[in-house]
Amino acid sequence: MPVLAVLAHILMPSGGVWQHLASTVLPRYLTNTLFLVVTVGLGTLVIGTGTAWLVVMCRFPGRRLFEWALLLPLAVPTYVIAYAYTDFLQFSGPLQGWLRDLFGWRFGDYWFPEVRSLGGAATLITLVLYPYVYMLARASFMEQSVCMLDVGRTLGRGPWELFRSVAIPLSRPALVGGVSLVLMETLNEFGAVQYFGVDTFTTGIYRTWFGLGEQVAAAQLAACLLAFVIALVLLERWSRGKRRYFHTSSRYQQLPEFQLGGWASAGAFLACLLPILGGFLIPSGILAELAIAQGDSLFGTAFIGYARNSLVLAAIAALIAVTLAVVLSYGVRLNDTRLTRTATRISAMGYAIPGSVVAVGILIPFAWLDNTINTWLLEQRGEVIGLIFSGSAFILIYAYVVRFLAVSFNAVEASLGKVTPSMDAASRTLGQTATGTLKRVHTPIMRGSLLAACILVFVDVMKELPATIILRPFNFDTLAVRAHSLAADERLAEASTASLAIVVVGIVPVILLSLAMRRSRPGGA
């Protein structure tokens, strides 16, 4: 429904607003968006793949720590890291102040990179999003067949050649999947790019809808962004063609590990430390210092309401998304036809749609429905009941489920696919119905994957900003909205409390996810 609602506005007249946007800001939206997509995609691919290979295949000091620590930036929303680094790197910040005191510099005596820029946004987004590639690359490297690596070693290939010519080609589906997630999140990014003053399609949609009050023009911008996303997905599918990626053995042995020493060990340590330092430790330290020194004046009163709203929305959305994912994936298992497969794929494509596009596509039909109901009541009974759908938290949860159903569906589908069909047959022979088989056989087996799916959706909902800002009911704020509102008013010290709370809530799920990944290799302990 959101996609159809957006696409239906393509040919509607916009009263000259679209022509104005196309001749003034649309080229800038396109250029900036393409720059972010290319630079963030390449940056996350290099960092995520390189660190994953190091922690899986190499021995060096701190490797066990880096295994889970490299996932920590997942807990930090991009807009939060933007607020933290802006306070730290701006002219009045502590770093430049320390440099001026140390060297006696004044304004204009030195050059310092501007964090509030397109390049600054690309760098910070890369530091936050590389764990998507790392997570899938690490899982792929852990599942790779030892026999292929042994063949490569007998042919005289060293660690670098094995990585380049064997491991990378075998892991292409996982790497492409990770980069695809990164690109979708980059296209969805709103808080950081708006705060930095970088014009992209997402900020343009928000500005056109709320700044200009032009619903049709905003929907047409959303349609352009949607077409861009669809083109990316189709391009990847086309490049893959009919190639498939399989291992040559069903036996899993202990992976061979390369012992690093000297400069190689130090280089591996730094390569894993720097992303954690830049993507988690430094911004978290900055936020903690700001929160302790000043913090949010509403902490302890209204702040509890913000935290409660965030947690309740995230928990409800996660439960609904995982429940729907189980129903969809089990439905395909029971009735595996082209129709059911196509229907489930369509229902789970929301992750490829930026949050602002989902919000616009949901708000248009539900606002129409509310207005129709109130018009009918006014004519029949002479009264109105207000906004039933578009003025409540229902529309917000609906948007979260549309947006993040794919996250839970992919995890549940992969886990259910590993359950042999003979278990279904044995259960049905013993008198269980299809529902009973799901409850007593599949659910206990999939417990770990169901938990991981809940965790991923929970963390994503906690960080979601554009859809929350557009669809939230009046006087209904979350931690994300509170942090963004204060930062937009340049009240960074007060925004630090809500920002730090989002980070703290996301740390525990991320660590649990990492521990589950460590036990994921078949045949391992």
Protein backbone atom coordinates (compact mmCIF):
# COMPACT_ATOMS: atom_id res chain seq x y z
CA MET A 1 0.00 0.00 0.00
CA PRO A 2 2.71 2.60 0.76
CA VAL A 3 4.44 1.90 -2.56
CA LEU A 4 1.20 2.16 -4.54
CA ALA A 5 0.23 5.35 -2.71
CA VAL A 6 3.55 6.95 -3.63
CA LEU A 7 3.57 5.80 -7.24
CA ALA A 8 -0.03 6.96 -7.75
CA HIS A 9 1.13 10.57 -7.35
CA ILE A 10 3.67 10.50 -10.17
CA LEU A 11 1.30 11.82 -12.82
CA MET A 12 -0.72 14.11 -10.56
CA PRO A 13 -0.38 17.88 -11.18
CA SER A 14 1.81 19.61 -8.58
CA GLY A 15 1.01 23.19 -9.53
CA GLY A 16 4.47 24.03 -10.81
CA VAL A 17 6.22 22.98 -7.58
CA TRP A 18 7.79 19.93 -9.22
CA GLN A 19 9.17 22.01 -12.08
CA HIS A 20 10.64 24.42 -9.54
CA LEU A 21 12.27 21.56 -7.59
CA ALA A 22 13.62 19.97 -10.77
CA SER A 23 15.25 23.19 -11.92
CA THR A 24 16.72 24.22 -8.55
CA VAL A 25 17.40 21.51 -5.95
CA LEU A 26 16.78 18.16 -7.66
CA PRO A 27 20.25 17.97 -9.30
CA ARG A 28 21.83 18.64 -5.91
CA TYR A 29 19.67 15.95 -4.28
CA LEU A 30 20.76 13.45 -6.92
CA THR A 31 24.48 14.35 -6.81
CA ASN A 32 24.74 14.25 -3.01
CA THR A 33 22.77 11.01 -2.76
CA LEU A 34 24.96 9.30 -5.37
CA PHE A 35 28.13 10.49 -3.62
CA LEU A 36 26.96 9.12 -0.28
CA VAL A 37 25.90 5.79 -1.81
CA VAL A 38 29.24 5.24 -3.60
CA THR A 39 31.60 6.38 -0.82
CA VAL A 40 29.72 4.71 2.04
CA GLY A 41 29.30 1.49 0.04
CA LEU A 42 33.01 1.24 -0.75
CA GLY A 43 34.10 2.29 2.74
CA THR A 44 31.90 -0.21 4.56
CA LEU A 45 32.88 -2.98 2.13
CA VAL A 46 36.60 -2.47 2.81
CA ILE A 47 36.30 -2.08 6.59
CA GLY A 48 33.69 -4.78 7.15
CA THR A 49 35.28 -7.43 4.93
CA GLY A 50 38.84 -6.78 6.09
CA THR A 51 38.06 -6.89 9.81
CA ALA A 52 35.85 -9.98 9.40
CA TRP A 53 38.68 -11.89 7.69
CA LEU A 54 41.14 -10.86 10.38
CA VAL A 55 39.03 -12.00 13.36
CA VAL A 56 38.00 -15.28 11.69
CA MET A 57 41.22 -16.42 10.05
CA CYS A 58 44.09 -14.74 11.92
CA ARG A 59 45.56 -14.96 15.40
CA PHE A 60 46.68 -11.72 17.02
CA PRO A 61 46.30 -10.06 20.44
CA GLY A 62 42.73 -8.96 21.23
CA ARG A 63 41.04 -11.01 18.52
CA ARG A 64 38.38 -12.47 20.85
CA LEU A 65 37.54 -8.99 22.10
CA PHE A 66 37.28 -7.56 18.60
CA GLU A 67 34.89 -10.33 17.52
CA TRP A 68 32.01 -8.70 19.41
CA ALA A 69 33.38 -5.18 19.84
CA LEU A 70 33.35 -4.59 16.06
CA LEU A 71 29.54 -4.84 16.21
CA LEU A 72 29.15 -2.08 18.82
CA PRO A 73 28.64 0.79 16.33
CA LEU A 74 25.33 -0.90 15.44
CA ALA A 75 24.04 0.49 18.74
CA VAL A 76 24.89 4.09 17.74
CA PRO A 77 22.42 5.88 15.42
CA THR A 78 24.07 7.93 12.70
CA TYR A 79 22.50 11.17 13.88
CA VAL A 80 23.87 10.54 17.39
CA ILE A 81 27.44 10.17 16.16
CA ALA A 82 26.94 13.34 14.09
CA TYR A 83 25.92 15.31 17.20
CA ALA A 84 28.87 13.96 19.20
CA TYR A 85 31.55 14.68 16.59
CA THR A 86 30.14 18.12 15.81
CA ASP A 87 30.54 19.14 19.43
CA PHE A 88 34.04 17.65 19.55
CA LEU A 89 35.40 18.93 16.21
CA GLN A 90 33.71 22.33 15.74
CA PHE A 91 35.66 25.60 16.13
CA SER A 92 34.50 26.08 19.71
CA GLY A 93 34.99 22.40 20.54
CA PRO A 94 37.67 20.93 22.82
CA LEU A 95 39.96 19.62 20.05
CA GLN A 96 40.40 22.89 18.15
CA GLY A 97 40.54 24.80 21.44
CA TRP A 98 43.38 22.55 22.62
CA LEU A 99 45.25 23.05 19.32
CA ARG A 100 44.92 26.86 19.55
CA ASP A 101 46.18 26.87 23.13
CA LEU A 102 49.07 24.56 22.25
CA PHE A 103 50.35 26.45 19.20
CA GLY A 104 49.03 29.94 19.90
CA TRP A 105 46.85 29.94 16.79
CA ARG A 106 43.96 32.27 16.12
CA PHE A 107 41.01 32.11 13.75
CA GLY A 108 42.28 31.95 10.16
CA ASP A 109 45.80 30.82 11.11
CA TYR A 110 45.15 27.15 10.39
CA TRP A 111 42.99 24.80 8.33
CA PHE A 112 40.78 22.19 9.92
CA PRO A 113 38.45 19.76 8.09
CA GLU A 114 34.80 20.78 8.27
CA VAL A 115 32.75 18.01 9.86
CA ARG A 116 29.48 19.56 8.70
CA SER A 117 30.00 18.68 5.06
CA LEU A 118 29.19 16.01 2.52
CA GLY A 119 32.53 14.29 3.16
CA GLY A 120 31.99 14.45 6.93
CA ALA A 121 28.56 12.88 6.57
CA ALA A 122 29.94 10.08 4.38
CA THR A 123 32.73 9.35 6.88
CA LEU A 124 30.44 9.19 9.90
CA ILE A 125 27.82 7.09 8.12
CA THR A 126 30.58 4.65 7.12
CA LEU A 127 31.77 4.33 10.73
CA VAL A 128 28.24 3.47 11.89
CA LEU A 129 27.13 1.15 9.09
CA TYR A 130 30.21 -1.03 8.45
CA PRO A 131 28.98 -3.65 11.02
CA TYR A 132 26.27 -4.72 8.54
CA VAL A 133 28.99 -5.89 6.13
CA TYR A 134 31.18 -7.20 8.97
CA MET A 135 28.35 -9.25 10.43
CA LEU A 136 27.44 -11.03 7.18
CA ALA A 137 31.05 -11.38 6.00
CA ARG A 138 32.10 -12.91 9.29
CA ALA A 139 29.22 -15.39 9.19
CA SER A 140 30.14 -16.31 5.60
CA PHE A 141 33.84 -16.80 6.42
CA MET A 142 32.94 -18.95 9.44
CA GLU A 143 30.78 -21.22 7.25
CA GLN A 144 33.30 -21.62 4.42
CA SER A 145 34.61 -25.06 3.55
CA VAL A 146 38.09 -25.94 4.81
CA CYS A 147 38.76 -28.17 1.79
CA MET A 148 38.66 -25.20 -0.58
CA LEU A 149 41.14 -23.30 1.56
CA ASP A 150 43.37 -26.39 1.74
CA VAL A 151 43.35 -26.70 -2.05
CA GLY A 152 44.38 -23.06 -2.33
CA ARG A 153 47.23 -23.56 0.13
CA THR A 154 48.51 -26.65 -1.68
CA LEU A 155 48.61 -24.55 -4.87
CA GLY A 156 51.01 -22.17 -3.14
CA ARG A 157 48.61 -19.36 -2.24
CA GLY A 158 49.38 -17.40 0.90
CA PRO A 159 46.87 -15.74 3.26
CA TRP A 160 46.38 -12.68 1.02
CA GLU A 161 45.88 -14.76 -2.14
CA LEU A 162 43.45 -17.09 -0.35
CA PHE A 163 41.50 -14.06 0.80
CA ARG A 164 41.44 -12.43 -2.64
CA SER A 165 40.91 -15.40 -4.95
CA VAL A 166 39.00 -17.95 -2.82
CA ALA A 167 37.24 -16.43 0.19
CA ILE A 168 35.96 -13.25 -1.47
CA PRO A 169 34.36 -14.95 -4.52
CA LEU A 170 32.69 -17.57 -2.28
CA SER A 171 31.37 -14.86 0.05
CA ARG A 172 30.01 -12.61 -2.69
CA PRO A 173 26.30 -13.17 -1.81
CA ALA A 174 26.96 -12.28 1.83
CA LEU A 175 29.06 -9.24 0.94
CA VAL A 176 26.48 -8.01 -1.56
CA GLY A 177 23.77 -8.54 1.04
CA GLY A 178 25.69 -6.50 3.62
CA VAL A 179 26.44 -3.67 1.20
CA SER A 180 22.80 -3.68 0.09
CA LEU A 181 21.71 -3.16 3.70
CA VAL A 182 24.23 -0.34 3.98
CA LEU A 183 22.97 1.35 0.82
CA MET A 184 19.35 1.12 2.00
CA GLU A 185 20.29 2.67 5.34
CA THR A 186 22.30 5.38 3.57
CA LEU A 187 19.34 6.30 1.38
CA ASN A 188 17.16 6.30 4.50
CA GLU A 189 19.52 8.53 6.51
CA PHE A 190 17.85 11.74 7.64
CA GLY A 191 19.10 13.02 11.00
CA ALA A 192 22.82 13.32 10.23
CA VAL A 193 22.50 14.75 6.72
CA GLN A 194 19.86 17.26 7.82
CA TYR A 195 21.98 18.34 10.78
CA PHE A 196 25.01 18.77 8.51
CA GLY A 197 22.98 20.73 5.97
CA VAL A 198 23.52 18.15 3.21
CA ASP A 199 20.62 18.05 0.75
CA THR A 200 19.52 14.52 -0.19
CA PHE A 201 16.27 12.99 -1.38
CA THR A 202 15.26 12.13 2.20
CA THR A 203 15.71 15.67 3.53
CA GLY A 204 14.05 17.02 0.37
CA ILE A 205 10.94 14.89 0.96
CA TYR A 206 10.66 16.12 4.55
CA ARG A 207 11.25 19.76 3.58
CA THR A 208 8.75 19.65 0.71
CA TRP A 209 6.05 18.02 2.85
CA PHE A 210 6.38 20.08 6.03
CA GLY A 211 8.18 23.20 4.83
CA LEU A 212 6.27 23.85 1.61
CA GLY A 213 3.14 21.89 2.51
CA GLU A 214 3.18 20.20 -0.90
CA GLN A 215 1.95 16.63 -0.53
CA VAL A 216 1.98 15.77 -4.25
CA ALA A 217 5.49 17.13 -4.85
CA ALA A 218 6.80 15.27 -1.78
CA ALA A 219 5.25 12.04 -3.05
CA GLN A 220 6.84 12.59 -6.46
CA LEU A 221 10.25 13.05 -4.82
CA ALA A 222 9.60 9.84 -2.87
CA ALA A 223 8.75 8.09 -6.16
CA CYS A 224 12.13 9.17 -7.61
CA LEU A 225 13.92 7.77 -4.58
CA LEU A 226 11.89 4.56 -4.78
CA ALA A 227 12.84 4.15 -8.45
CA PHE A 228 16.50 4.66 -7.48
CA VAL A 229 16.25 1.89 -4.86
CA ILE A 230 14.51 -0.51 -7.26
CA ALA A 231 17.23 0.13 -9.84
CA LEU A 232 19.93 -0.79 -7.29
CA VAL A 233 18.20 -4.05 -6.38
CA LEU A 234 17.65 -5.05 -10.03
CA LEU A 235 21.24 -4.15 -10.94
CA GLU A 236 22.60 -6.48 -8.27
CA ARG A 237 20.29 -9.30 -9.35
CA TRP A 238 21.31 -8.83 -12.97
CA SER A 239 25.03 -8.81 -12.16
CA ARG A 240 24.70 -12.06 -10.22
CA GLY A 241 22.89 -13.79 -13.09
CA LYS A 242 22.32 -17.52 -12.63
CA ARG A 243 25.48 -18.11 -10.64
CA ARG A 244 25.12 -20.05 -7.40
CA TYR A 245 27.58 -20.47 -4.52
CA PHE A 246 27.99 -23.83 -2.81
CA HIS A 247 30.57 -25.61 -0.70
CA THR A 248 32.08 -28.90 -1.88
CA SER A 249 31.78 -30.75 1.41
CA SER A 250 29.18 -31.15 4.12
CA ARG A 251 31.86 -31.83 6.74
CA TYR A 252 32.93 -28.86 8.84
CA GLN A 253 36.36 -28.84 10.43
CA GLN A 254 38.24 -26.34 12.52
CA LEU A 255 39.18 -23.39 10.32
CA PRO A 256 42.92 -22.94 9.71
CA GLU A 257 44.25 -19.82 11.39
CA PHE A 258 47.27 -17.75 10.41
CA GLN A 259 49.49 -16.74 13.31
CA LEU A 260 50.47 -13.08 12.91
CA GLY A 261 53.53 -11.62 14.51
CA GLY A 262 55.53 -8.42 14.60
CA TRP A 263 54.28 -5.61 12.37
CA ALA A 264 51.55 -7.79 10.90
CA SER A 265 50.08 -8.41 14.35
CA ALA A 266 50.25 -4.71 15.23
CA GLY A 267 48.66 -3.78 11.90
CA ALA A 268 45.78 -6.22 12.42
CA PHE A 269 45.24 -4.87 15.94
CA LEU A 270 45.08 -1.27 14.69
CA ALA A 271 42.86 -2.20 11.73
CA CYS A 272 40.28 -3.64 14.13
CA LEU A 273 40.70 -0.97 16.83
CA LEU A 274 40.28 2.15 14.67
CA PRO A 275 36.70 1.44 13.48
CA ILE A 276 35.61 0.72 17.07
CA LEU A 277 37.39 3.82 18.31
CA GLY A 278 35.84 6.09 15.69
CA GLY A 279 32.41 4.47 15.53
CA PHE A 280 31.72 3.79 19.20
CA LEU A 281 34.29 4.63 21.89
CA ILE A 282 34.97 8.28 21.02
CA PRO A 283 31.34 9.33 20.39
CA SER A 284 30.11 7.42 23.45
CA GLY A 285 32.77 9.09 25.59
CA ILE A 286 31.81 12.52 24.26
CA LEU A 287 28.13 11.89 24.97
CA ALA A 288 28.85 10.58 28.46
CA GLU A 289 30.93 13.65 29.30
CA LEU A 290 28.25 16.03 28.00
CA ALA A 291 25.48 14.14 29.81
CA ILE A 292 27.35 14.23 33.12
CA ALA A 293 28.42 17.87 32.79
CA GLN A 294 25.02 19.24 31.74
CA GLY A 295 22.57 16.79 30.18
CA ASP A 296 18.85 17.09 29.58
CA SER A 297 16.97 19.34 32.00
CA LEU A 298 13.93 17.05 31.71
CA PHE A 299 15.88 13.96 32.76
CA GLY A 300 13.86 12.05 35.34
CA THR A 301 10.46 13.60 34.55
CA ALA A 302 9.30 13.85 30.95
CA PHE A 303 12.41 11.94 29.93
CA ILE A 304 10.94 8.78 31.45
CA GLY A 305 7.99 9.17 29.11
CA TYR A 306 10.31 9.46 26.09
CA ALA A 307 12.13 6.30 27.10
CA ARG A 308 8.86 4.46 27.76
CA ASN A 309 7.47 5.44 24.36
CA SER A 310 10.63 4.25 22.60
CA LEU A 311 10.78 0.92 24.43
CA VAL A 312 7.07 0.16 24.03
CA LEU A 313 7.06 0.98 20.32
CA ALA A 314 10.23 -1.06 19.70
CA ALA A 315 8.94 -4.06 21.68
CA ILE A 316 5.50 -4.09 20.02
CA ALA A 317 6.93 -3.64 16.52
CA ALA A 318 9.52 -6.40 17.10
CA LEU A 319 6.89 -8.89 18.34
CA ILE A 320 4.51 -8.16 15.45
CA ALA A 321 7.29 -8.29 12.85
CA VAL A 322 8.64 -11.63 14.12
CA THR A 323 5.14 -13.12 14.38
CA LEU A 324 4.33 -12.10 10.81
CA ALA A 325 7.71 -13.41 9.66
CA VAL A 326 6.95 -16.82 11.18
CA VAL A 327 3.51 -16.91 9.55
CA LEU A 328 4.87 -15.91 6.14
CA SER A 329 7.86 -18.26 6.12
CA TYR A 330 5.83 -21.20 7.46
CA GLY A 331 3.11 -20.49 4.89
CA VAL A 332 5.66 -20.82 2.10
CA ARG A 333 6.93 -24.06 3.66
CA LEU A 334 3.42 -25.53 3.71
CA ASN A 335 2.40 -24.28 0.26
CA ASP A 336 5.52 -23.56 -1.78
CA THR A 337 4.06 -22.13 -4.97
CA ARG A 338 5.13 -19.23 -7.15
CA LEU A 339 2.18 -17.19 -5.88
CA THR A 340 3.06 -17.59 -2.20
CA ARG A 341 6.75 -16.97 -2.81
CA THR A 342 5.99 -13.80 -4.79
CA ALA A 343 3.51 -12.57 -2.19
CA THR A 344 5.95 -13.01 0.70
CA ARG A 345 8.75 -11.30 -1.21
CA ILE A 346 6.53 -8.31 -1.91
CA SER A 347 5.40 -8.09 1.71
CA ALA A 348 9.01 -8.19 2.90
CA MET A 349 10.41 -5.56 0.53
CA GLY A 350 9.86 -2.67 2.94
CA TYR A 351 13.48 -2.55 4.06
CA ALA A 352 14.43 -1.41 0.58
CA ILE A 353 12.15 1.62 0.97
CA PRO A 354 13.51 4.58 2.98
CA GLY A 355 11.57 5.53 6.10
CA SER A 356 10.50 8.87 4.68
CA VAL A 357 8.99 7.15 1.62
CA VAL A 358 7.17 4.63 3.84
CA ALA A 359 5.85 7.47 5.99
CA VAL A 360 4.55 9.44 3.00
CA GLY A 361 3.00 6.32 1.46
CA ILE A 362 1.23 5.41 4.70
CA LEU A 363 0.11 8.88 5.74
CA ILE A 364 -1.66 9.63 2.42
CA PRO A 365 -4.19 6.72 2.47
CA PHE A 366 -4.76 6.76 6.23
CA ALA A 367 -5.31 10.53 6.28
CA TRP A 368 -7.84 10.07 3.47
CA LEU A 369 -9.54 7.29 5.45
CA ASP A 370 -9.73 9.45 8.60
CA ASN A 371 -11.16 12.38 6.66
CA THR A 372 -13.72 10.14 4.95
CA ILE A 373 -14.90 8.66 8.26
CA ASN A 374 -15.17 12.08 9.90
CA THR A 375 -17.02 13.54 6.91
CA TRP A 376 -19.54 10.70 7.00
CA LEU A 377 -20.05 11.06 10.77
CA LEU A 378 -20.50 14.81 10.40
CA GLU A 379 -23.17 14.30 7.76
CA GLN A 380 -24.96 11.49 9.59
CA ARG A 381 -24.62 12.46 13.26
CA GLY A 382 -23.34 16.00 13.22
CA GLU A 383 -20.09 15.16 15.05
CA VAL A 384 -16.51 14.12 14.37
CA ILE A 385 -14.23 11.81 16.36
CA GLY A 386 -10.85 13.11 15.19
CA LEU A 387 -7.92 11.28 13.66
CA ILE A 388 -8.42 7.58 14.34
CA PHE A 389 -5.48 6.10 12.43
CA SER A 390 -3.17 8.95 11.35
CA GLY A 391 -3.37 10.58 14.79
CA SER A 392 -2.47 7.55 16.89
CA ALA A 393 0.49 5.27 17.53
CA PHE A 394 -1.14 2.66 15.28
CA ILE A 395 0.18 4.32 12.13
CA LEU A 396 3.68 4.49 13.66
CA ILE A 397 3.77 0.77 14.51
CA TYR A 398 2.35 0.00 11.06
CA ALA A 399 5.23 1.93 9.48
CA TYR A 400 7.83 0.13 11.62
CA VAL A 401 6.43 -3.28 10.63
CA VAL A 402 6.35 -2.34 6.94
CA ARG A 403 9.91 -1.02 7.18
CA PHE A 404 11.54 -3.80 9.20
CA LEU A 405 9.53 -6.94 8.39
CA ALA A 406 12.27 -7.96 5.95
CA VAL A 407 14.85 -7.98 8.77
CA SER A 408 12.89 -10.53 10.80
CA PHE A 409 11.67 -12.47 7.75
CA ASN A 410 15.18 -13.12 6.43
CA ALA A 411 16.36 -14.45 9.80
CA VAL A 412 13.29 -16.65 10.33
CA GLU A 413 13.26 -17.98 6.76
CA ALA A 414 16.93 -18.95 6.92
CA SER A 415 16.43 -20.74 10.23
CA LEU A 416 13.27 -22.56 9.14
CA GLY A 417 14.98 -23.66 5.94
CA LYS A 418 17.55 -25.61 7.99
CA VAL A 419 14.84 -27.81 9.56
CA THR A 420 14.62 -31.01 7.54
CA PRO A 421 11.18 -31.80 6.04
CA SER A 422 11.34 -35.25 7.60
CA MET A 423 10.61 -33.62 10.96
CA ASP A 424 7.36 -32.22 9.56
CA ALA A 425 6.42 -35.63 8.22
CA ALA A 426 7.20 -37.37 11.52
CA SER A 427 5.20 -34.81 13.49
CA ARG A 428 2.16 -35.10 11.23
CA THR A 429 2.37 -38.91 11.39
CA LEU A 430 2.22 -38.66 15.19
CA GLY A 431 -1.02 -36.72 14.96
CA GLN A 432 0.12 -33.10 15.11
CA THR A 433 -1.57 -30.46 12.99
CA ALA A 434 0.40 -27.89 10.99
CA THR A 435 -0.03 -25.38 13.84
CA GLY A 436 0.98 -27.97 16.42
CA THR A 437 4.10 -28.83 14.41
CA LEU A 438 5.07 -25.17 14.27
CA LYS A 439 4.53 -24.75 18.00
CA ARG A 440 6.14 -27.97 19.28
CA VAL A 441 8.82 -28.72 16.68
CA HIS A 442 9.90 -25.68 14.72
CA THR A 443 9.65 -22.93 17.33
CA PRO A 444 11.99 -24.64 19.87
CA ILE A 445 14.53 -25.31 17.09
CA MET A 446 14.33 -21.71 15.84
CA ARG A 447 14.44 -20.10 19.30
CA GLY A 448 17.89 -18.58 18.75
CA SER A 449 17.00 -17.13 15.34
CA LEU A 450 13.70 -15.76 16.65
CA LEU A 451 15.60 -13.99 19.41
CA ALA A 452 18.11 -12.59 16.94
CA ALA A 453 15.28 -11.34 14.71
CA CYS A 454 13.60 -9.64 17.68
CA ILE A 455 16.88 -8.01 18.67
CA LEU A 456 17.59 -6.67 15.19
CA VAL A 457 14.10 -5.19 14.76
CA PHE A 458 14.15 -3.76 18.30
CA VAL A 459 17.46 -1.96 17.72
CA ASP A 460 16.39 -0.67 14.30
CA VAL A 461 13.11 0.73 15.66
CA MET A 462 14.92 2.46 18.51
CA LYS A 463 17.12 4.25 15.96
CA GLU A 464 14.48 5.01 13.30
CA LEU A 465 14.05 8.77 12.87
CA PRO A 466 12.42 9.96 9.59
CA ALA A 467 9.29 7.80 9.84
CA THR A 468 8.95 8.63 13.54
CA ILE A 469 9.17 12.38 12.97
CA ILE A 470 6.62 12.36 10.15
CA LEU A 471 4.06 9.94 11.64
CA ARG A 472 4.23 10.41 15.42
CA PRO A 473 1.02 11.60 17.10
CA PHE A 474 0.86 15.07 18.63
CA ASN A 475 2.72 15.37 21.95
CA PHE A 476 4.19 11.89 21.48
CA ASP A 477 7.98 11.99 21.50
CA THR A 478 10.58 9.24 21.60
CA LEU A 479 14.26 9.30 22.55
CA ALA A 480 15.18 9.67 18.87
CA VAL A 481 12.81 12.61 18.37
CA ARG A 482 13.95 14.26 21.60
CA ALA A 483 17.63 13.98 20.63
CA HIS A 484 16.96 15.33 17.13
CA SER A 485 14.84 18.25 18.36
CA LEU A 486 17.47 19.43 20.83
CA ALA A 487 20.34 18.99 18.38
CA ALA A 488 18.44 20.91 15.70
CA ASP A 489 18.30 23.83 18.17
CA GLU A 490 22.09 23.50 18.72
CA ARG A 491 21.50 22.26 22.29
CA LEU A 492 24.02 19.44 21.91
CA ALA A 493 24.75 19.06 25.61
CA GLU A 494 21.08 18.48 26.38
CA ALA A 495 20.68 16.15 23.39
CA SER A 496 23.48 13.97 24.78
CA THR A 497 21.23 12.39 27.42
CA ALA A 498 18.67 10.99 24.98
CA SER A 499 21.43 10.04 22.54
CA LEU A 500 23.37 8.17 25.20
CA ALA A 501 20.20 6.37 26.33
CA ILE A 502 19.66 5.04 22.79
CA VAL A 503 23.26 3.78 22.71
CA VAL A 504 23.02 2.09 26.13
CA VAL A 505 19.75 0.34 25.22
CA GLY A 506 21.31 -0.97 22.00
CA ILE A 507 24.55 -2.33 23.49
CA VAL A 508 23.14 -5.42 25.21
CA PRO A 509 21.22 -6.73 22.15
CA VAL A 510 24.30 -6.23 19.99
CA ILE A 511 26.51 -8.23 22.38
CA LEU A 512 23.90 -11.03 22.53
CA LEU A 513 23.84 -11.10 18.73
CA SER A 514 27.63 -11.41 18.59
CA LEU A 515 27.64 -14.31 21.08
CA ALA A 516 25.03 -16.11 18.98
CA MET A 517 27.20 -15.63 15.88
CA ARG A 518 30.22 -17.18 17.60
CA ARG A 519 28.26 -20.43 18.10
CA SER A 520 26.88 -20.43 14.56
CA ARG A 521 29.52 -22.55 12.76
CA PRO A 522 28.17 -26.08 12.14
CA GLY A 523 30.15 -28.71 13.97
CA GLY A 524 31.52 -26.15 16.40
CA ALA A 525 31.04 -25.94 20.14
